Protein backbone atom coordinates (compact mmCIF):
# COMPACT_ATOMS: atom_id res chain seq x y z
CA MET A 1 -8.83 36.78 10.81
CA LEU A 2 -12.57 37.14 11.17
CA ASN A 3 -13.10 33.43 10.39
CA LYS A 4 -10.39 32.50 12.89
CA ARG A 5 -11.99 34.61 15.66
CA ASN A 6 -15.41 33.16 14.92
CA SER A 7 -14.05 29.61 15.11
CA GLN A 8 -12.47 30.37 18.49
CA ARG A 9 -15.75 31.73 19.83
CA ASN A 10 -17.86 28.97 18.35
CA PRO A 11 -16.12 25.56 18.20
CA THR A 12 -19.03 24.06 16.25
CA SER A 13 -17.96 26.20 13.29
CA VAL A 14 -14.82 24.05 13.03
CA LEU A 15 -17.02 20.98 12.63
CA ASN A 16 -18.89 22.77 9.86
CA TYR A 17 -15.64 23.15 7.95
CA VAL A 18 -14.96 19.41 8.43
CA HIS A 19 -18.41 18.56 7.15
CA GLN A 20 -17.67 20.57 4.03
CA LEU A 21 -14.71 18.34 3.13
CA PRO A 22 -15.22 16.33 -0.05
CA VAL A 23 -16.27 12.73 0.52
CA GLU A 24 -13.05 11.47 -1.08
CA ILE A 25 -10.93 13.40 1.46
CA LEU A 26 -12.97 12.09 4.38
CA GLN A 27 -12.58 8.54 3.07
CA LYS A 28 -8.82 8.92 2.90
CA ILE A 29 -8.79 10.25 6.46
CA PHE A 30 -10.89 7.30 7.63
CA THR A 31 -8.52 4.90 5.88
CA CYS A 32 -5.56 6.38 7.75
CA VAL A 33 -7.43 6.09 11.06
CA ALA A 34 -8.19 2.43 10.34
CA GLU A 35 -4.55 1.43 9.73
CA PRO A 36 -4.16 -1.80 11.73
CA ARG A 37 -1.75 -1.81 14.66
CA LEU A 38 0.68 -4.62 15.32
CA PRO A 39 -0.99 -6.95 17.86
CA ASP A 40 2.38 -7.78 19.42
CA HIS A 41 2.56 -4.18 20.71
CA ASP A 42 -0.85 -4.43 22.37
CA PRO A 43 -2.11 -7.99 22.92
CA PHE A 44 -5.40 -6.75 24.41
CA LEU A 45 -6.98 -5.43 21.22
CA GLN A 46 -10.74 -4.99 21.24
CA VAL A 47 -13.13 -7.56 19.76
CA TYR A 48 -14.51 -4.81 17.51
CA PRO A 49 -12.71 -2.48 15.06
CA GLU A 50 -10.95 0.24 17.04
CA TRP A 51 -11.83 2.85 14.44
CA ILE A 52 -15.57 2.13 14.62
CA ALA A 53 -16.13 5.28 16.75
CA ILE A 54 -15.86 7.45 13.64
CA THR A 55 -19.23 6.06 12.52
CA TYR A 56 -20.86 7.42 15.71
CA VAL A 57 -19.87 11.07 15.24
CA CYS A 58 -22.71 12.11 12.99
CA ARG A 59 -24.98 10.81 10.21
CA HIS A 60 -22.77 12.28 7.50
CA TRP A 61 -19.64 10.51 8.73
CA ARG A 62 -21.55 7.26 9.18
CA ALA A 63 -22.89 7.43 5.65
CA VAL A 64 -19.42 8.16 4.26
CA ALA A 65 -17.92 5.24 6.22
CA LEU A 66 -20.65 2.77 5.23
CA ASN A 67 -20.20 3.60 1.56
CA HIS A 68 -16.39 3.38 1.77
CA HIS A 69 -16.26 -0.39 1.22
CA SER A 70 -12.47 -0.80 1.38
CA LEU A 71 -12.56 0.66 4.92
CA TRP A 72 -14.21 -2.58 6.06
CA GLY A 73 -11.86 -4.84 4.14
CA THR A 74 -9.27 -5.63 6.83
CA ILE A 75 -10.04 -8.79 8.81
CA THR A 76 -7.87 -9.11 11.94
CA PRO A 77 -7.70 -12.05 14.37
CA ASN A 78 -8.78 -10.11 17.47
CA LEU A 79 -12.31 -9.52 16.16
CA SER A 80 -15.34 -11.52 17.26
CA PHE A 81 -17.04 -13.80 14.74
CA THR A 82 -20.03 -11.43 14.63
CA TRP A 83 -17.82 -8.51 13.68
CA LEU A 84 -15.98 -10.61 11.12
CA LYS A 85 -19.25 -11.36 9.32
CA THR A 86 -20.19 -7.69 9.48
CA LEU A 87 -16.89 -6.60 7.95
CA MET A 88 -17.18 -9.16 5.17
CA ALA A 89 -20.68 -7.96 4.33
CA ARG A 90 -19.95 -4.23 4.45
CA SER A 91 -16.72 -4.52 2.46
CA GLU A 92 -18.46 -5.98 -0.59
CA PRO A 93 -17.57 -5.55 -3.46
CA ALA A 94 -14.07 -4.40 -2.35
CA ARG A 95 -11.24 -6.87 -1.92
CA VAL A 96 -10.37 -8.02 1.59
CA ASP A 97 -7.16 -8.77 3.49
CA VAL A 98 -7.73 -11.61 5.93
CA GLU A 99 -5.68 -12.72 8.94
CA LEU A 100 -7.16 -15.45 11.13
CA ARG A 101 -6.03 -17.69 13.96
CA VAL A 102 -7.86 -20.98 13.91
CA GLY A 103 -8.04 -23.75 16.48
CA GLN A 104 -8.30 -23.82 20.24
CA LEU A 105 -8.70 -20.70 22.33
CA PHE A 106 -5.74 -19.44 24.34
CA ILE A 107 -4.92 -16.49 26.56
CA LYS A 108 -4.76 -12.94 25.12
CA ARG A 109 -5.75 -14.00 21.61
CA MET A 110 -9.01 -14.95 20.00
CA CYS A 111 -9.08 -17.96 17.68
CA LEU A 112 -11.89 -19.01 15.41
CA SER A 113 -13.03 -22.59 15.31
CA VAL A 114 -12.40 -24.42 12.06
CA ASP A 115 -16.12 -24.40 11.22
CA GLU A 116 -16.39 -20.62 11.74
CA ALA A 117 -13.36 -19.98 9.56
CA ILE A 118 -14.79 -22.16 6.79
CA VAL A 119 -18.15 -20.37 6.95
CA LEU A 120 -16.38 -17.03 6.72
CA LEU A 121 -14.01 -17.84 3.85
CA SER A 122 -15.29 -20.75 1.76
CA ASP A 123 -17.57 -18.61 -0.44
CA CYS A 124 -15.38 -15.51 -0.54
CA THR A 125 -14.23 -14.55 -4.03
CA ARG A 126 -12.72 -11.18 -3.04
CA MET A 127 -9.63 -12.15 -1.05
CA ARG A 128 -6.54 -10.08 -1.84
CA SER A 129 -4.35 -11.64 0.87
CA LEU A 130 -4.75 -14.46 3.38
CA ARG A 131 -2.78 -15.25 6.52
CA LEU A 132 -3.68 -18.34 8.52
CA LEU A 133 -2.06 -19.30 11.82
CA GLY A 134 -2.75 -22.33 13.96
CA PRO A 135 -2.25 -26.08 14.39
CA ARG A 136 -1.44 -27.84 11.12
CA ARG A 137 -4.56 -29.99 11.16
CA ASP A 138 -6.89 -27.01 11.67
CA VAL A 139 -5.16 -24.80 9.07
CA GLY A 140 -5.19 -27.71 6.62
CA ALA A 141 -8.93 -28.23 7.10
CA VAL A 142 -9.64 -24.57 6.34
CA LEU A 143 -7.44 -24.62 3.22
CA ASP A 144 -9.18 -27.73 1.92
CA ALA A 145 -12.47 -25.80 1.97
CA LEU A 146 -11.16 -22.89 -0.14
CA ARG A 147 -12.09 -24.04 -3.64
CA MET A 148 -13.57 -20.82 -5.03
CA ALA A 149 -11.53 -18.77 -7.51
CA THR A 150 -10.33 -15.51 -5.96
CA PRO A 151 -7.88 -12.74 -7.00
CA ILE A 152 -5.56 -13.51 -4.09
CA HIS A 153 -1.93 -12.43 -4.54
CA SER A 154 -0.45 -13.10 -1.06
CA LEU A 155 -0.59 -16.26 1.09
CA THR A 156 0.98 -16.66 4.55
CA LEU A 157 0.75 -19.93 6.48
CA SER A 158 2.15 -20.49 9.97
CA LEU A 159 1.76 -24.01 11.37
CA TRP A 160 2.43 -24.45 15.07
CA GLU A 161 2.59 -28.20 15.66
CA PRO A 162 5.25 -30.67 14.49
CA GLY A 163 4.33 -33.27 11.94
CA PRO A 164 4.93 -34.53 8.41
CA PRO A 165 5.03 -32.23 5.35
CA ILE A 166 1.68 -30.72 4.41
CA PHE A 167 0.51 -30.77 0.78
CA LEU A 168 -1.75 -28.03 -0.55
CA SER A 169 -4.56 -29.15 -2.84
CA GLU A 170 -4.39 -28.69 -6.60
CA ASP A 171 -7.92 -27.25 -6.32
CA LEU A 172 -6.91 -24.56 -3.82
CA PHE A 173 -8.54 -21.25 -4.86
CA GLY A 174 -10.18 -23.05 -7.79
CA GLY A 175 -6.83 -24.12 -9.23
CA ARG A 176 -6.04 -20.62 -10.43
CA ALA A 177 -5.01 -17.46 -8.60
CA PRO A 178 -2.62 -14.60 -9.47
CA MET A 179 -0.37 -15.46 -6.53
CA ARG A 180 2.75 -13.27 -6.15
CA ARG A 181 3.85 -13.62 -2.53
CA ILE A 182 4.05 -16.64 -0.23
CA HIS A 183 5.43 -16.93 3.31
CA PHE A 184 5.50 -20.41 4.83
CA THR A 185 6.47 -21.25 8.43
CA ALA A 186 6.30 -24.84 9.66
CA ASN A 187 8.14 -27.55 11.54
CA ARG A 188 8.51 -29.35 8.19
CA CYS A 189 7.88 -28.17 4.64
CA ILE A 190 4.65 -27.00 2.98
CA VAL A 191 4.37 -28.36 -0.55
CA ALA A 192 2.42 -26.08 -2.91
CA PRO A 193 1.08 -27.06 -6.35
CA ARG A 194 3.24 -26.02 -9.29
CA TRP A 195 0.66 -23.67 -10.78
CA LEU A 196 0.64 -21.64 -7.55
CA LEU A 197 4.43 -21.17 -7.60
CA ARG A 198 4.73 -20.22 -11.25
CA GLY A 199 4.10 -16.48 -10.82
CA ILE A 200 5.69 -16.01 -7.37
CA THR A 201 7.94 -12.94 -7.08
CA HIS A 202 8.44 -12.90 -3.27
CA PHE A 203 9.11 -16.11 -1.36
CA THR A 204 9.93 -16.35 2.35
CA SER A 205 10.52 -19.75 3.91
CA GLY A 206 10.57 -20.18 7.67
CA GLU A 207 10.22 -23.93 7.30
CA GLN A 208 12.47 -26.64 8.67
CA ILE A 209 12.86 -27.83 5.13
CA LEU A 210 15.34 -30.23 3.55
CA LEU A 211 17.74 -28.80 1.00
CA LEU A 212 16.42 -30.96 -1.84
CA ASP A 213 12.79 -29.99 -1.13
CA LEU A 214 13.65 -26.29 -1.09
CA LEU A 215 15.53 -26.53 -4.38
CA ASP A 216 12.56 -28.34 -5.97
CA ALA A 217 10.30 -25.46 -4.90
CA LEU A 218 12.69 -22.78 -6.20
CA ARG A 219 12.89 -24.57 -9.54
CA GLN A 220 9.16 -23.87 -10.00
CA MET A 221 9.57 -20.08 -9.49
CA PRO A 222 11.07 -18.61 -12.68
CA ALA A 223 9.71 -15.11 -11.84
CA LEU A 224 11.20 -15.00 -8.33
CA ALA A 225 12.70 -11.59 -7.44
CA HIS A 226 13.06 -11.74 -3.63
CA PHE A 227 13.94 -14.87 -1.67
CA THR A 228 14.40 -15.11 2.11
CA LEU A 229 15.28 -18.20 4.16
CA GLU A 230 14.50 -17.70 7.85
CA HIS A 231 15.92 -19.62 10.79
CA CYS A 232 16.20 -23.01 9.12
CA ARG A 233 17.77 -25.59 11.42
CA ALA A 234 17.21 -28.68 9.33
CA HIS A 235 20.30 -30.81 8.79
CA TRP A 236 21.90 -29.94 5.43
CA GLU A 237 24.95 -31.54 3.86
CA ASP A 238 26.72 -30.92 0.56
CA THR A 239 25.79 -34.43 -0.56
CA ASP A 240 22.04 -33.84 -0.11
CA ALA A 241 21.56 -32.33 -3.58
CA PRO A 242 23.70 -32.13 -6.75
CA ARG A 243 25.30 -28.79 -7.65
CA GLU A 244 24.59 -29.23 -11.35
CA PRO A 245 22.60 -28.11 -13.16
CA LEU A 246 22.24 -24.75 -11.46
CA ILE A 247 18.72 -23.44 -10.84
CA GLU A 248 18.21 -20.41 -13.06
CA LEU A 249 16.63 -17.42 -11.28
CA PRO A 250 17.09 -14.68 -13.88
CA HIS A 251 14.94 -12.09 -12.10
CA LEU A 252 16.26 -12.52 -8.56
CA GLU A 253 17.25 -9.19 -6.97
CA ASP A 254 17.60 -10.09 -3.28
CA PHE A 255 18.82 -13.33 -1.71
CA LEU A 256 18.70 -13.19 2.10
CA VAL A 257 19.43 -15.90 4.65
CA HIS A 258 18.79 -15.58 8.42
CA ALA A 259 20.46 -18.49 10.19
CA ASN A 260 22.77 -19.62 12.99
CA SER A 261 25.42 -20.88 10.57
CA PRO A 262 26.73 -19.83 7.13
CA ARG A 263 26.15 -23.43 6.03
CA TYR A 264 22.65 -22.71 4.68
CA PHE A 265 23.69 -19.68 2.67
CA ALA A 266 26.76 -21.40 1.21
CA LEU A 267 24.97 -24.60 0.15
CA LEU A 268 22.11 -22.67 -1.45
CA ASN A 269 24.33 -20.17 -3.25
CA GLN A 270 26.38 -22.98 -4.80
CA ARG A 271 23.23 -24.31 -6.48
CA LEU A 272 21.61 -21.10 -7.70
CA ALA A 273 22.40 -19.10 -10.83
CA LEU A 274 21.77 -15.44 -9.90
CA PRO A 275 21.92 -12.52 -12.30
CA ARG A 276 24.75 -10.02 -12.17
CA GLY A 277 24.11 -7.35 -9.53
CA ALA A 278 21.82 -9.46 -7.36
CA LYS A 279 22.19 -8.61 -3.65
CA ARG A 280 23.30 -11.40 -1.35
CA ARG A 281 22.81 -10.99 2.42
CA LEU A 282 23.77 -13.37 5.21
CA GLU A 283 22.57 -12.47 8.72
CA LEU A 284 23.78 -14.80 11.46
CA ARG A 285 22.35 -14.92 14.96
CA MET A 286 24.16 -17.24 17.33
CA LEU A 287 24.91 -18.01 20.94
CA ALA A 288 28.35 -17.05 22.18
CA VAL A 289 29.35 -20.68 22.69
CA ALA A 290 32.40 -22.70 21.77
CA GLY A 291 32.47 -24.15 18.27
CA TRP A 292 34.01 -21.47 16.07
CA ALA A 293 36.10 -24.07 14.20
CA ARG A 294 32.91 -25.62 12.78
CA LEU A 295 32.06 -22.37 10.99
CA VAL A 296 35.40 -21.80 9.28
CA ARG A 297 34.65 -24.29 6.48
CA TRP A 298 31.47 -22.46 5.55
CA PHE A 299 33.05 -19.02 5.71
CA ASN A 300 35.60 -20.31 3.21
CA ALA A 301 32.75 -21.10 0.83
CA LEU A 302 31.89 -17.37 0.70
CA LEU A 303 35.17 -16.36 -0.93
CA PRO A 304 34.00 -16.64 -4.59
CA ILE A 305 31.05 -14.32 -3.80
CA ILE A 306 33.32 -11.80 -2.07
CA GLU A 307 35.80 -11.79 -4.95
CA ALA A 308 32.97 -11.24 -7.47
CA ALA A 309 31.83 -8.23 -5.40
CA ASN A 310 35.38 -6.71 -5.47
CA GLY A 311 36.06 -7.47 -1.84
CA LEU A 312 34.65 -6.36 1.50
CA GLN A 313 35.55 -2.71 2.00
CA HIS A 314 33.51 -1.80 5.08
CA VAL A 315 33.82 -3.18 8.62
CA TYR A 316 31.54 -2.44 11.59
CA LEU A 317 31.79 -3.64 15.20
CA SER A 318 29.41 -2.90 18.05
CA GLY A 319 29.13 -4.33 21.54
CA GLY A 320 31.39 -6.64 23.47
CA ALA A 321 32.15 -10.24 24.32
CA LYS A 322 28.76 -11.16 25.76
CA GLU A 323 26.65 -9.44 23.11
CA GLY A 324 27.63 -7.69 19.93
CA THR A 325 27.27 -7.19 16.19
CA PHE A 326 29.89 -7.50 13.46
CA ARG A 327 29.22 -6.44 9.86
CA VAL A 328 31.22 -6.43 6.65
CA TRP A 329 29.98 -5.39 3.23
CA SER A 330 31.14 -4.57 -0.27
CA GLY A 331 30.87 -1.35 -2.28
CA ASP A 332 32.52 2.04 -2.51
CA VAL A 333 32.79 4.61 0.26
CA ALA A 334 29.18 5.81 -0.13
CA THR A 335 27.61 2.32 -0.15
CA THR A 336 25.43 1.40 2.81
CA TYR A 337 25.12 -2.24 3.78
CA GLU A 338 21.52 -2.26 2.57
CA ASP A 339 22.70 -1.46 -0.96
CA ALA A 340 25.77 -3.69 -0.99
CA GLU A 341 26.15 -6.52 -3.45
CA PHE A 342 27.27 -8.74 -0.56
CA PHE A 343 26.61 -8.16 3.14
CA LEU A 344 27.47 -10.34 6.15
CA GLU A 345 26.20 -9.65 9.66
CA MET A 346 26.95 -11.69 12.75
CA TYR A 347 25.08 -11.03 15.99
CA TRP A 348 26.02 -13.01 19.11
CA TYR A 349 24.61 -13.16 22.59
CA GLY A 350 25.61 -15.08 25.70
CA SER A 351 24.18 -16.28 28.95
CA ARG A 352 23.91 -13.85 31.86
CA THR A 353 26.01 -16.25 33.91
CA MET A 354 28.94 -16.24 31.47
CA THR A 355 32.27 -15.59 33.14
CA ALA A 356 35.18 -13.71 31.58
CA ILE A 357 36.95 -17.04 30.94
CA ASP A 358 33.85 -18.44 29.22
CA GLN A 359 33.66 -15.37 27.01
CA ARG A 360 37.27 -15.69 25.86
CA LEU A 361 36.71 -19.32 24.96
CA ALA A 362 33.36 -18.87 23.26
CA SER A 363 32.60 -15.34 22.08
CA PRO A 364 33.04 -14.67 18.34
CA ILE A 365 34.55 -11.27 19.10
CA PHE A 366 37.87 -12.95 19.89
CA HIS A 367 37.91 -14.53 16.42
CA LEU A 368 37.11 -11.44 14.34
CA GLY A 369 40.72 -10.83 13.35
CA GLU A 370 40.93 -14.39 12.07
CA LEU A 371 37.62 -13.92 10.22
CA CYS A 372 38.82 -10.69 8.56
CA ASP A 373 41.93 -12.49 7.39
CA LEU A 374 39.88 -15.42 6.09
CA LEU A 375 37.41 -13.25 4.15
CA GLY A 376 40.11 -11.05 2.60
CA VAL A 377 39.16 -7.93 4.55
CA THR A 378 42.85 -7.56 5.41
CA LYS A 379 43.53 -6.51 1.82
CA SER A 380 40.28 -4.78 0.87
CA GLY A 381 38.93 -3.08 4.02
CA ARG A 382 38.85 0.72 3.62
CA THR A 383 36.42 1.99 6.26
CA LEU A 384 36.10 0.88 9.89
CA PHE A 385 33.23 1.74 12.26
CA LEU A 386 33.69 1.02 15.97
CA GLU A 387 30.96 1.33 18.57
CA GLY A 388 31.55 0.12 22.10
CA ASP A 389 29.23 -1.70 24.45
CA PRO A 390 26.37 0.67 25.39
CA THR A 391 25.92 -1.10 28.74
CA PRO A 392 28.33 0.54 31.20
CA THR A 393 28.12 -2.33 33.71
CA ARG A 394 29.73 -4.82 31.35
CA VAL A 395 33.43 -5.57 31.44
CA GLU A 396 35.47 -3.74 28.80
CA LEU A 397 37.26 -5.72 26.14
CA PRO A 398 40.85 -6.66 27.01
CA PRO A 399 43.51 -4.81 24.98
CA PHE A 400 44.62 -7.91 23.06
CA CYS A 401 41.12 -8.21 21.54
CA TRP A 402 41.48 -4.78 19.93
CA TRP A 403 45.02 -5.63 18.87
CA MET A 404 43.98 -8.84 17.11
CA LEU A 405 41.26 -7.04 15.15
CA LEU A 406 43.06 -3.86 14.09
CA GLU A 407 46.25 -5.74 13.16
CA LYS A 408 44.20 -7.49 10.47
CA LEU A 409 42.99 -4.20 8.91
CA PRO A 410 46.11 -2.51 7.48
CA SER A 411 44.23 -1.10 4.48
CA VAL A 412 41.74 0.98 6.51
CA GLU A 413 41.80 4.62 5.45
CA GLU A 414 38.80 6.00 7.37
CA LEU A 415 37.94 5.31 11.00
CA GLU A 416 34.65 6.24 12.66
CA LEU A 417 34.63 6.03 16.44
CA HIS A 418 31.64 6.35 18.72
CA ALA A 419 32.30 8.21 21.93
CA ASN A 420 31.90 5.12 24.11
CA VAL A 421 34.88 3.36 22.49
CA VAL A 422 37.46 6.17 22.38
CA GLU A 423 38.78 5.75 25.91
CA GLY A 424 38.97 1.98 25.55
CA LEU A 425 41.14 2.30 22.45
CA HIS A 426 43.43 4.78 24.18
CA THR A 427 43.80 2.38 27.10
CA ALA A 428 44.50 -0.56 24.79
CA TRP A 429 47.29 1.27 22.98
CA GLU A 430 48.85 2.64 26.14
CA THR A 431 49.40 -0.94 27.25
CA VAL A 432 52.87 -2.40 26.93
CA GLY A 433 53.19 -4.52 23.80
CA ALA A 434 50.54 -2.71 21.73
CA PRO A 435 51.28 -3.27 18.02
CA ALA A 436 51.51 -0.66 15.28
CA VAL A 437 48.25 -0.76 13.29
CA LEU A 438 46.30 1.10 10.60
CA PRO A 439 49.28 2.42 8.60
CA ALA A 440 47.00 3.70 5.80
CA LEU A 441 44.70 5.69 8.13
CA HIS A 442 44.16 9.29 7.04
CA GLN A 443 40.81 10.28 8.60
CA ILE A 444 39.15 9.84 11.99
CA HIS A 445 35.56 10.79 12.67
CA VAL A 446 34.19 10.81 16.23
CA VAL A 447 30.44 10.46 16.68
CA PRO A 448 28.82 12.01 19.79
CA ALA A 449 27.25 9.57 22.22
CA ASN A 450 23.71 10.83 21.66
CA THR A 451 23.87 9.82 17.98
CA ALA A 452 25.41 6.38 18.49
CA THR A 453 23.51 3.27 17.51
CA THR A 454 23.26 0.38 19.95
CA ILE A 455 23.34 -3.36 19.64
CA VAL A 456 19.83 -3.52 21.11
CA GLU A 457 18.19 -1.34 18.47
CA ARG A 458 20.56 -2.46 15.74
CA CYS A 459 19.74 0.64 13.70
CA PRO A 460 20.89 0.79 10.06
CA LEU A 461 24.32 2.38 9.69
CA VAL A 462 24.19 5.09 7.03
CA ILE A 463 27.13 7.14 5.79
CA PRO A 464 25.76 10.65 5.11
CA PRO A 465 27.38 12.81 2.44
CA THR A 466 28.09 15.60 4.98
CA ARG A 467 29.30 14.40 8.35
CA LYS A 468 28.65 16.14 11.62
CA GLY A 469 30.83 15.90 14.66
CA PHE A 470 34.52 16.05 15.32
CA ILE A 471 36.75 15.14 12.37
CA SER A 472 40.48 14.67 12.52
CA ARG A 473 41.95 14.56 9.05
CA ILE A 474 45.53 13.89 8.05
CA ILE A 475 46.12 16.20 5.10
CA PRO A 476 49.12 15.44 2.89
CA SER A 477 51.40 18.46 2.66
CA LYS A 478 51.69 20.22 -0.69
CA VAL A 479 55.45 20.23 -0.28
CA ALA A 480 57.59 17.15 -0.13
CA LYS A 481 57.84 15.70 3.37
CA ARG A 482 60.85 14.07 4.88
CA GLN A 483 60.72 10.31 4.76
CA ASN A 484 58.96 8.73 7.77
CA SER A 485 57.82 12.15 9.03
CA PRO A 486 54.75 11.79 11.29
CA ALA A 487 51.31 12.75 9.97
CA ARG A 488 49.67 15.81 11.51
CA ALA A 489 46.01 15.88 12.54
CA VAL A 490 43.99 18.93 11.61
CA VAL A 491 40.81 19.42 13.62
CA SER A 492 37.63 20.60 11.89
CA VAL A 493 34.99 22.12 14.18
CA PRO A 494 31.51 22.58 12.61
CA SER A 495 30.37 25.44 14.84
CA THR A 496 31.50 29.05 14.21
CA ASN A 497 30.44 30.22 17.68
CA VAL A 498 33.38 28.66 19.52
CA PRO A 499 37.13 29.19 19.30
CA ASP A 500 39.04 27.11 16.79
CA ASP A 501 40.82 25.16 19.49
CA THR A 502 37.67 24.22 21.49
CA LEU A 503 35.15 21.52 20.78
CA PRO A 504 31.41 22.27 21.14
CA SER A 505 29.82 20.89 24.30
CA SER A 506 27.95 18.16 22.42
CA VAL A 507 31.27 16.76 21.20
CA GLN A 508 33.25 16.74 24.46
CA PHE A 509 34.72 13.31 25.21
CA PRO A 510 36.69 12.12 28.23
CA GLY A 511 40.35 12.80 27.54
CA PHE A 512 39.60 14.10 24.05
CA TYR A 513 39.65 17.86 24.17
CA ASP A 514 42.01 19.13 21.51
CA GLU A 515 43.94 18.45 18.36
CA LYS A 516 46.87 16.88 20.19
CA SER A 517 44.77 14.11 21.75
CA LEU A 518 43.44 12.89 18.40
CA ASP A 519 46.86 13.32 16.88
CA GLY A 520 48.16 11.27 19.78
CA LEU A 521 45.64 8.48 19.12
CA ILE A 522 46.68 8.34 15.47
CA LYS A 523 50.32 8.12 16.49
CA LEU A 524 49.50 5.46 19.05
CA PHE A 525 47.83 3.37 16.34
CA GLN A 526 50.59 3.83 13.81
CA GLY A 527 53.51 3.68 16.23
CA GLY A 528 52.32 1.11 18.77
CA SER A 529 53.51 1.05 22.36
CA ASN A 530 56.91 2.43 21.30
CA GLN A 531 55.39 5.93 21.14
CA THR A 532 53.14 5.65 24.18
CA SER A 533 55.19 7.83 26.47
CA GLY A 534 54.97 10.96 24.32
CA HIS A 535 51.42 10.75 23.09
CA GLY A 536 49.08 9.89 25.91
CA LEU A 537 45.70 11.35 26.73
CA THR A 538 45.52 15.13 26.98
CA THR A 539 43.62 16.19 30.05
């Protein structure tokens, strides 16, 4: 207490305690302060290190910082050439992580000239990672000057201008470097020497690369564990490369494709030999435009993968006709899509000027029932997650869209509804002609609106072991029931401070206030419009 009172009376005593910290602790604190920020979040970064103020506090802090060589080892593209030379000098003998933009100057970013970049890097033998961005000719000139051996393990190249394939020199980094990660982005392909690819464990390609060229590169990576293909739009056909012999990748753990068509994933997967248990992920991002028929062929090619993963047991839908996300993945009830052996995501977006007629003709959401049938989800789907469009100004989905989807999911046993979709489902099944769906359903879970994910954030969907919210569970009776007797919903309320027949305020939904309303929704699903009159919304 006495020390606390003294520190309140005399603030300088607090600084004395800080000065008494061991040098190692201060260095760790300085390292945390110097963590680089993403330049995309603040394009107006200073031309000097933002953490440099810690060296102006006192002589002790300055001495600690100057002798902490790794503190100076992060080279970022916003820094002036003078500061870059200072960081290189003060970081010695520690290894450095370098990111540079080379070429012409442009607004909001600082680029080094080719000559400055060569002066800075050509004699450096301490590079741990290197990221170069700029026109292909300028980046190529800098790479040609890097002939000194260095312990570099990560290389990222981003070439901005179109042009022919670029070939990296056999003498790059002295012809020997313990390279483990490469990330190439270019209008065409970047061809690396074989010795550089031999030890690669992480490979990301954002190149517009031909199928045959990509396969040739993968053939040189026997240690590859993580492979990602990003946004390739090069023209690929099945006849571009033979399927046999398969390329053996015995250590591959993750195979991920980001594309606008399943074509790229299917053609690659047919030519790769992956070990048992490897995770395959296909993430599609596409415009909501007509042309669904062109994708059906490539979705068919996914069936052997789905069968090997024991089917797709989880289904997720968020959004609406103009913008939305659809996911399906394999695994048991506790498996998240990140851990699934196979995962497919489709995100679509449309023009702001799209009319309702355009949406019905073009949006993938009107083909999801067909897709579920095609991928075998009709037989294997066990859990269904529905989240409506978070934008209230958008037009709700017509009832037939919900009908077409849920009719194709007769095996679903668990249903998770976000609050913004409950009323829409009730409306859809109060419409004349609504079909009977979800005959195997035995549990409904309603998620409050403040915990719902959105299609904008696209947050990971995780199934926690203990669920919070409003659960309606159909519990089989311990005594024999009469044949065709209706299931009864039992409401579980997590709070003990409210009556058993009242939902807590955080779980109040429009038209969803008691056991009968959820029971009514279940009966609507399983009975269709024939039971609408007796089981409407309870208000």
